[in-house]
Amino acid sequence: MNKLKSQVTMLMIVGLVVLIIVSLVIYLSKYAVKKQGQQNIKRSQEAFDTQPIKEFVAKCFDKLAKDAIALLGKQGGYIYASQGGTIVDYSETDEGLFFVKYNGHNVAYNILPPKFDIPPYSSNIPDYPWGTFPYATAASNEETFEGFFGVNNMPPLEWTGGPNSIQTQIETFIDKNMISCANFGLFEEQGFEVVISASNTSVVIGINGLSVKSRIPIRLINPTKNEVTELNDFSTIVDVGLMDMYLFIKNLVDKDVQDIKFNISDIKNYKDFVSVKLVKNVFSNDDLVIVTDEDGSIYGKPFEYVFARRNRAPALYYIKNNLLEFPHLHGITQEDLLGSYTLKAEDPDEDEYTFKITPALPRVLNVPQIKFKVEVDDVGLWDYQIVTVNRK
């Protein structure tokens, strides 16, 4: 009897163990199927919804980066506030003061006349560029042509160089235009809700190109499946040698404002695939400089950097013999006034110029003293010196 009870008890225990094992296997199988189904749904959802939106935003982001570079290249390194940049918009009446118009763009001046003195140089005529130009002193015959002939008005390349840098302008342009560029109407027509927040872009300007990264918070909502997906980080590389171009152009501008004999469009200034073109008198007597990089392209066209150069005064060579004496009623001629000296001048903008002496010669010396103004004129800008004639 006891033996029979033991056998029954053992069978019950074995049956219970088998039941537990079977139940556990069934539960784990159902869980695995459910988990696999959820993963398949998520993968299907990402493949169907997220990827097209990712690609759409990435293309928009890349386009804005290229647009920013192309735009600042057409406008002397500046992007205006109405375009999404950092520079205040000018009025039409500001042309000739801050910009010149060219191909529908307001091209900023990167070269301006000197507006202040840096001793021993002067920005004020008749002391411009210095009193005895191009001689170090009145007694010296050694000529020098380096001095202070203008101001470099290019924006800094990076934010560490000051406000309105090219780096900052590209970042600002992308951030201000990102939401309007990323129009999700097509996806919303398919029943999805897309919420995009303000982006935060950073640009690194390298030797061979630009690395552009941005955090763009985007929430994708599928109401039918009650699913939410978030996108954030985007990046692109723009293959334009902006740093090399900037340094090349800055070197041109620096030489143009420091050396009055420097010819900015001389073919000797070309470098590899980079050429320089000068367009004279685009606005009044102001010029336009176009620097083209055939090796770097945006949208299949060579990258161009265009800037304006305001007209600057020519510099008259110092007339050393500027104090003369003649008898009363002597008829003063140009030969008397200048002797064997030939009037000479240099123009920082490679402009044509003319000389003028007032009062007109010949002139009879019938007063104790006459002051002659010897002038070099660059169609509206001039430099002059005074030659004083006393009566013996």
Protein backbone atom coordinates (compact mmCIF):
# COMPACT_ATOMS: atom_id res chain seq x y z
CA MET A 1 0.00 0.00 0.00
CA ASN A 2 2.73 2.40 0.94
CA LYS A 3 4.59 1.43 -2.17
CA LEU A 4 1.55 2.33 -4.32
CA LYS A 5 1.24 5.75 -2.65
CA SER A 6 4.89 6.45 -3.31
CA GLN A 7 4.50 5.64 -6.98
CA VAL A 8 1.44 7.92 -7.29
CA THR A 9 3.27 10.75 -5.54
CA MET A 10 6.24 10.36 -7.86
CA LEU A 11 4.01 10.43 -10.93
CA MET A 12 2.34 13.60 -9.69
CA ILE A 13 5.69 15.29 -9.15
CA VAL A 14 6.92 14.26 -12.59
CA GLY A 15 3.69 15.49 -14.16
CA LEU A 16 3.96 18.83 -12.39
CA VAL A 17 7.55 19.27 -13.56
CA VAL A 18 6.57 18.40 -17.13
CA LEU A 19 3.67 20.90 -16.96
CA ILE A 20 5.96 23.65 -15.72
CA ILE A 21 8.51 22.94 -18.44
CA VAL A 22 5.88 22.91 -21.19
CA SER A 23 4.31 26.15 -19.91
CA LEU A 24 7.71 27.82 -19.80
CA VAL A 25 8.56 26.72 -23.33
CA ILE A 26 5.21 28.00 -24.63
CA TYR A 27 5.71 31.37 -22.85
CA LEU A 28 9.22 31.85 -24.13
CA SER A 29 8.18 30.95 -27.65
CA LYS A 30 5.35 33.49 -27.62
CA TYR A 31 7.67 36.19 -26.17
CA ALA A 32 10.29 35.52 -28.83
CA VAL A 33 7.70 35.73 -31.60
CA LYS A 34 6.33 39.00 -30.18
CA LYS A 35 9.80 40.49 -29.78
CA GLN A 36 10.77 39.49 -33.30
CA GLY A 37 7.54 40.98 -34.61
CA GLN A 38 8.19 44.28 -32.84
CA GLN A 39 11.72 44.42 -34.24
CA ASN A 40 10.46 43.67 -37.73
CA ILE A 41 7.82 46.40 -37.42
CA LYS A 42 10.42 48.90 -36.19
CA ARG A 43 12.84 48.00 -38.96
CA SER A 44 10.05 48.22 -41.50
CA GLN A 45 8.97 51.58 -40.10
CA GLU A 46 12.52 52.97 -40.25
CA ALA A 47 13.10 51.69 -43.76
CA PHE A 48 9.81 53.09 -44.97
CA ASP A 49 9.59 56.41 -43.10
CA THR A 50 12.80 57.53 -41.39
CA GLN A 51 15.32 56.96 -44.15
CA PRO A 52 13.61 59.13 -46.80
CA ILE A 53 13.30 61.97 -44.28
CA LYS A 54 16.92 61.55 -43.22
CA GLU A 55 18.03 61.78 -46.83
CA PHE A 56 15.75 64.78 -47.46
CA VAL A 57 17.15 66.75 -44.50
CA ALA A 58 20.74 65.74 -45.34
CA LYS A 59 20.36 67.04 -48.92
CA CYS A 60 18.81 70.28 -47.66
CA PHE A 61 21.63 70.68 -45.14
CA ASP A 62 24.29 70.10 -47.80
CA LYS A 63 22.58 72.56 -50.16
CA LEU A 64 22.50 75.31 -47.51
CA ALA A 65 26.21 74.87 -46.78
CA LYS A 66 27.05 75.23 -50.48
CA ASP A 67 24.63 78.14 -50.91
CA ALA A 68 26.28 80.02 -48.05
CA ILE A 69 29.77 79.64 -49.53
CA ALA A 70 28.63 80.60 -53.04
CA LEU A 71 26.70 83.62 -51.74
CA LEU A 72 29.48 85.10 -49.60
CA GLY A 73 31.83 84.55 -52.53
CA LYS A 74 29.62 86.73 -54.73
CA GLN A 75 29.33 89.51 -52.13
CA GLY A 76 32.87 90.17 -50.94
CA GLY A 77 32.73 87.70 -48.05
CA TYR A 78 29.47 88.94 -46.57
CA ILE A 79 25.91 87.57 -46.23
CA TYR A 80 23.21 90.10 -45.36
CA ALA A 81 20.60 89.72 -42.63
CA SER A 82 17.70 89.40 -45.08
CA GLN A 83 19.53 86.45 -46.65
CA GLY A 84 20.16 84.76 -43.31
CA GLY A 85 23.57 86.30 -42.59
CA THR A 86 24.97 88.63 -39.95
CA ILE A 87 25.52 91.85 -41.94
CA VAL A 88 22.97 94.67 -41.77
CA ASP A 89 21.12 95.23 -45.04
CA TYR A 90 22.07 98.41 -46.87
CA SER A 91 19.68 100.70 -48.70
CA GLU A 92 19.97 101.43 -52.41
CA THR A 93 21.39 104.87 -51.60
CA ASP A 94 24.33 103.19 -49.84
CA GLU A 95 25.80 102.06 -53.15
CA GLY A 96 29.23 103.60 -53.49
CA LEU A 97 29.55 103.83 -49.71
CA PHE A 98 29.42 100.19 -48.60
CA PHE A 99 28.91 98.17 -51.77
CA VAL A 100 28.59 98.15 -55.54
CA LYS A 101 26.00 96.21 -57.52
CA TYR A 102 27.19 93.39 -59.75
CA ASN A 103 25.09 90.59 -61.26
CA GLY A 104 22.24 91.32 -58.87
CA HIS A 105 24.39 91.19 -55.72
CA ASN A 106 25.56 93.89 -53.34
CA VAL A 107 29.33 93.38 -53.48
CA ALA A 108 31.12 94.75 -50.42
CA TYR A 109 34.29 96.83 -50.54
CA ASN A 110 37.28 94.79 -49.39
CA ILE A 111 39.68 97.67 -50.15
CA LEU A 112 38.98 101.18 -48.85
CA PRO A 113 41.02 104.41 -48.93
CA PRO A 114 42.98 105.24 -45.77
CA LYS A 115 40.80 107.20 -43.34
CA PHE A 116 43.26 107.74 -40.51
CA ASP A 117 46.96 108.42 -40.06
CA ILE A 118 49.57 105.83 -39.13
CA PRO A 119 52.76 107.83 -38.59
CA PRO A 120 54.86 108.48 -40.56
CA TYR A 121 52.07 107.98 -43.13
CA SER A 122 49.20 110.37 -43.68
CA SER A 123 45.74 109.89 -45.15
CA ASN A 124 45.24 113.62 -45.70
CA ILE A 125 46.24 115.46 -48.85
CA PRO A 126 48.70 117.15 -49.42
CA ASP A 127 50.65 115.15 -46.82
CA TYR A 128 49.42 111.86 -48.33
CA PRO A 129 51.02 109.35 -48.42
CA TRP A 130 53.93 111.10 -46.73
CA GLY A 131 55.42 114.53 -47.29
CA THR A 132 58.41 113.52 -49.43
CA PHE A 133 56.96 110.54 -51.31
CA PRO A 134 58.59 108.39 -52.60
CA TYR A 135 61.76 109.57 -50.86
CA ALA A 136 62.48 108.89 -47.21
CA THR A 137 63.55 112.53 -46.75
CA ALA A 138 63.75 115.64 -48.89
CA ALA A 139 67.49 115.14 -49.30
CA SER A 140 67.29 111.44 -50.12
CA ASN A 141 67.25 110.00 -53.63
CA GLU A 142 66.32 106.48 -52.58
CA GLU A 143 62.75 105.60 -53.54
CA THR A 144 60.37 103.37 -51.62
CA PHE A 145 56.79 102.53 -52.57
CA GLU A 146 55.62 100.65 -49.52
CA GLY A 147 53.42 102.50 -47.06
CA PHE A 148 49.80 103.08 -46.13
CA PHE A 149 47.63 103.24 -49.25
CA GLY A 150 44.37 101.70 -48.09
CA VAL A 151 42.49 99.54 -45.61
CA ASN A 152 41.86 95.79 -45.83
CA ASN A 153 38.10 95.41 -45.20
CA MET A 154 37.86 91.63 -45.65
CA PRO A 155 35.92 89.74 -42.96
CA PRO A 156 37.95 87.45 -40.71
CA LEU A 157 38.03 83.80 -41.71
CA GLU A 158 37.15 82.36 -38.29
CA TRP A 159 35.23 83.67 -35.29
CA THR A 160 38.47 84.02 -33.29
CA GLY A 161 39.47 86.81 -35.69
CA GLY A 162 36.49 89.02 -34.81
CA PRO A 163 32.78 89.52 -35.55
CA ASN A 164 31.07 88.63 -38.84
CA SER A 165 33.65 86.00 -39.68
CA ILE A 166 33.12 83.77 -42.70
CA GLN A 167 32.82 80.81 -40.34
CA THR A 168 30.09 82.51 -38.28
CA GLN A 169 28.21 83.69 -41.36
CA ILE A 170 28.02 80.17 -42.83
CA GLU A 171 26.78 78.78 -39.49
CA THR A 172 24.20 81.54 -39.12
CA PHE A 173 22.99 81.19 -42.72
CA ILE A 174 22.34 77.47 -42.28
CA ASP A 175 20.57 77.88 -38.94
CA LYS A 176 18.33 80.71 -40.15
CA ASN A 177 17.33 78.93 -43.37
CA MET A 178 17.09 75.32 -42.19
CA ILE A 179 13.42 75.28 -41.18
CA SER A 180 12.23 76.98 -44.38
CA CYS A 181 14.41 74.69 -46.48
CA ALA A 182 13.18 71.50 -44.80
CA ASN A 183 9.57 71.59 -46.04
CA PHE A 184 8.02 68.30 -44.94
CA GLY A 185 4.74 68.81 -46.81
CA LEU A 186 5.21 65.67 -48.91
CA PHE A 187 5.64 63.50 -45.82
CA GLU A 188 2.78 65.17 -44.00
CA GLU A 189 0.50 64.37 -46.95
CA GLN A 190 1.24 60.70 -46.24
CA GLY A 191 -0.20 61.10 -42.74
CA PHE A 192 2.97 61.68 -40.75
CA GLU A 193 3.59 64.55 -38.37
CA VAL A 194 7.05 66.16 -38.48
CA VAL A 195 8.19 68.64 -35.83
CA ILE A 196 11.54 70.41 -36.40
CA SER A 197 13.28 72.71 -33.91
CA ALA A 198 16.01 75.30 -34.43
CA SER A 199 19.33 73.87 -35.54
CA ASN A 200 22.76 74.49 -34.07
CA THR A 201 25.51 74.37 -36.71
CA SER A 202 29.29 74.35 -36.40
CA VAL A 203 31.75 74.78 -39.26
CA VAL A 204 35.41 73.79 -39.38
CA ILE A 205 37.29 75.37 -42.28
CA GLY A 206 40.12 73.03 -43.25
CA ILE A 207 42.85 73.21 -45.86
CA ASN A 208 41.03 71.06 -48.41
CA GLY A 209 37.40 71.72 -47.55
CA LEU A 210 34.76 72.51 -44.96
CA SER A 211 33.39 70.11 -42.37
CA VAL A 212 29.87 71.15 -41.43
CA LYS A 213 27.93 69.55 -38.57
CA SER A 214 24.57 70.42 -37.13
CA ARG A 215 22.20 69.24 -34.43
CA ILE A 216 18.72 69.49 -35.91
CA PRO A 217 16.08 68.13 -33.49
CA ILE A 218 13.36 66.43 -35.58
CA ARG A 219 10.43 64.34 -34.22
CA LEU A 220 8.61 62.00 -36.60
CA ILE A 221 5.16 60.90 -35.44
CA ASN A 222 3.13 58.10 -37.06
CA PRO A 223 -0.38 58.59 -35.60
CA THR A 224 -1.77 55.34 -37.05
CA LYS A 225 0.81 53.22 -35.24
CA ASN A 226 1.39 55.61 -32.36
CA GLU A 227 5.14 55.57 -33.02
CA VAL A 228 7.64 58.38 -32.47
CA THR A 229 11.14 58.54 -33.96
CA GLU A 230 13.72 61.26 -33.33
CA LEU A 231 16.51 62.49 -35.64
CA ASN A 232 19.25 64.84 -34.50
CA ASP A 233 22.73 64.84 -36.00
CA PHE A 234 23.64 65.72 -39.59
CA SER A 235 26.95 66.44 -41.28
CA THR A 236 28.43 67.17 -44.69
CA ILE A 237 31.74 67.94 -46.37
CA VAL A 238 32.01 70.78 -48.90
CA ASP A 239 34.97 70.20 -51.19
CA VAL A 240 36.04 73.82 -51.69
CA GLY A 241 39.49 75.07 -50.67
CA LEU A 242 38.04 78.11 -48.92
CA MET A 243 40.98 78.52 -46.56
CA ASP A 244 43.52 78.56 -49.40
CA MET A 245 41.38 80.99 -51.39
CA TYR A 246 40.92 83.28 -48.41
CA LEU A 247 44.65 83.39 -47.63
CA PHE A 248 45.48 83.97 -51.30
CA ILE A 249 43.00 86.87 -51.57
CA LYS A 250 44.06 88.36 -48.24
CA ASN A 251 47.65 88.37 -49.48
CA LEU A 252 46.54 90.21 -52.64
CA VAL A 253 44.59 92.80 -50.66
CA ASP A 254 47.40 93.32 -48.14
CA LYS A 255 49.90 93.94 -50.94
CA ASP A 256 47.50 96.27 -52.72
CA VAL A 257 47.06 98.49 -49.66
CA GLN A 258 50.75 98.42 -48.70
CA ASP A 259 52.54 98.78 -52.06
CA ILE A 260 51.38 101.55 -54.40
CA LYS A 261 53.10 99.94 -57.39
CA PHE A 262 51.43 96.56 -56.86
CA ASN A 263 49.16 95.58 -59.77
CA ILE A 264 46.46 93.32 -58.37
CA SER A 265 45.46 91.82 -61.73
CA ASP A 266 48.99 91.14 -63.00
CA ILE A 267 49.25 87.59 -64.35
CA LYS A 268 52.28 87.13 -62.10
CA ASN A 269 49.84 87.02 -59.18
CA TYR A 270 48.08 83.93 -60.51
CA LYS A 271 48.52 80.71 -58.55
CA ASP A 272 47.97 77.21 -59.92
CA PHE A 273 44.31 77.19 -60.98
CA VAL A 274 43.51 80.61 -59.45
CA SER A 275 43.19 83.68 -61.68
CA VAL A 276 42.44 87.35 -60.98
CA LYS A 277 40.31 89.63 -63.17
CA LEU A 278 39.93 93.38 -62.72
CA VAL A 279 36.73 95.11 -63.90
CA LYS A 280 37.37 98.85 -64.01
CA ASN A 281 34.91 101.60 -63.08
CA VAL A 282 31.95 99.41 -62.12
CA PHE A 283 30.55 102.22 -60.01
CA SER A 284 31.93 105.69 -60.74
CA ASN A 285 35.71 105.10 -60.54
CA ASP A 286 35.45 102.08 -58.21
CA ASP A 287 36.68 98.72 -59.45
CA LEU A 288 35.65 95.10 -59.06
CA VAL A 289 38.09 92.22 -58.49
CA ILE A 290 37.06 88.66 -59.40
CA VAL A 291 39.21 85.79 -58.11
CA THR A 292 38.35 82.43 -59.71
CA ASP A 293 39.38 78.99 -58.49
CA GLU A 294 39.06 76.58 -61.41
CA ASP A 295 40.02 73.68 -59.16
CA GLY A 296 37.22 74.23 -56.64
CA SER A 297 33.61 74.11 -57.76
CA ILE A 298 30.12 74.57 -56.37
CA TYR A 299 27.22 73.13 -58.36
CA GLY A 300 29.65 72.33 -61.16
CA LYS A 301 30.91 75.89 -61.56
CA PRO A 302 34.31 77.30 -60.50
CA PHE A 303 34.23 79.01 -57.12
CA GLU A 304 34.48 82.81 -57.39
CA TYR A 305 35.24 85.42 -54.78
CA VAL A 306 34.18 88.89 -55.92
CA PHE A 307 34.96 92.10 -54.06
CA ALA A 308 34.93 95.84 -54.70
CA ARG A 309 37.83 98.30 -54.49
CA ARG A 310 37.08 101.96 -53.86
CA ASN A 311 39.02 104.51 -55.87
CA ARG A 312 42.06 105.93 -54.05
CA ALA A 313 44.05 109.08 -54.63
CA PRO A 314 47.21 109.03 -56.75
CA ALA A 315 50.46 110.09 -55.12
CA LEU A 316 52.52 112.90 -56.67
CA TYR A 317 56.30 112.53 -56.53
CA TYR A 318 57.82 115.11 -54.20
CA ILE A 319 59.08 118.20 -56.04
CA LYS A 320 62.32 118.86 -54.23
CA ASN A 321 62.98 122.34 -55.62
CA ASN A 322 59.80 123.96 -54.33
CA LEU A 323 61.08 127.38 -53.29
CA LEU A 324 62.18 129.60 -56.20
CA GLU A 325 63.11 133.25 -56.84
CA PHE A 326 62.75 135.31 -60.02
CA PRO A 327 63.08 139.00 -60.90
CA HIS A 328 60.12 141.32 -60.88
CA LEU A 329 57.93 141.02 -64.01
CA HIS A 330 59.62 137.81 -64.99
CA GLY A 331 57.38 135.62 -67.17
CA ILE A 332 57.39 132.25 -65.36
CA THR A 333 57.19 129.21 -67.64
CA GLN A 334 56.89 125.51 -66.77
CA GLU A 335 60.61 125.17 -67.45
CA ASP A 336 61.28 127.87 -64.87
CA LEU A 337 59.00 126.20 -62.37
CA LEU A 338 60.18 122.61 -62.80
CA GLY A 339 63.59 122.96 -64.43
CA SER A 340 64.68 119.56 -65.72
CA TYR A 341 62.29 117.81 -63.34
CA THR A 342 59.59 115.65 -64.97
CA LEU A 343 56.28 115.40 -63.14
CA LYS A 344 55.65 111.84 -61.95
CA ALA A 345 53.00 110.07 -59.92
CA GLU A 346 51.83 106.60 -58.87
CA ASP A 347 48.21 105.46 -58.69
CA PRO A 348 47.29 102.60 -56.31
CA ASP A 349 44.40 101.53 -58.58
CA GLU A 350 46.39 101.54 -61.83
CA ASP A 351 44.23 104.43 -63.12
CA GLU A 352 45.19 106.94 -65.77
CA TYR A 353 45.93 110.42 -64.43
CA THR A 354 46.70 113.94 -65.60
CA PHE A 355 48.80 116.81 -64.28
CA LYS A 356 47.67 120.40 -63.87
CA ILE A 357 49.45 123.56 -62.71
CA THR A 358 47.47 126.52 -61.38
CA PRO A 359 47.52 129.42 -61.92
CA ALA A 360 48.14 128.82 -65.61
CA LEU A 361 51.59 129.35 -67.10
CA PRO A 362 53.27 131.50 -68.28
CA ARG A 363 52.64 133.85 -65.40
CA VAL A 364 54.22 137.28 -64.90
CA LEU A 365 55.72 137.79 -61.47
CA ASN A 366 54.25 141.17 -60.59
CA VAL A 367 53.60 140.49 -56.91
CA PRO A 368 56.00 139.70 -54.05
CA GLN A 369 55.04 136.01 -54.06
CA ILE A 370 53.11 133.46 -56.12
CA LYS A 371 52.12 129.99 -54.92
CA PHE A 372 51.71 127.46 -57.72
CA LYS A 373 49.61 124.36 -57.11
CA VAL A 374 50.98 121.33 -58.93
CA GLU A 375 48.24 118.73 -59.06
CA VAL A 376 47.84 115.11 -60.21
CA ASP A 377 44.22 114.16 -60.87
CA ASP A 378 42.71 110.66 -60.97
CA VAL A 379 39.29 111.72 -62.34
CA GLY A 380 37.93 113.11 -59.11
CA LEU A 381 40.70 112.26 -56.65
CA TRP A 382 43.97 114.13 -56.52
CA ASP A 383 47.20 114.87 -54.74
CA TYR A 384 49.04 118.16 -54.95
CA GLN A 385 52.05 120.15 -53.83
CA ILE A 386 52.77 123.85 -53.56
CA VAL A 387 55.74 125.50 -55.30
CA THR A 388 56.42 128.97 -53.94
CA VAL A 389 57.97 131.68 -56.13
CA ASN A 390 59.34 134.82 -54.46
CA ARG A 391 60.42 138.06 -56.12
CA LYS A 392 64.11 138.89 -55.89
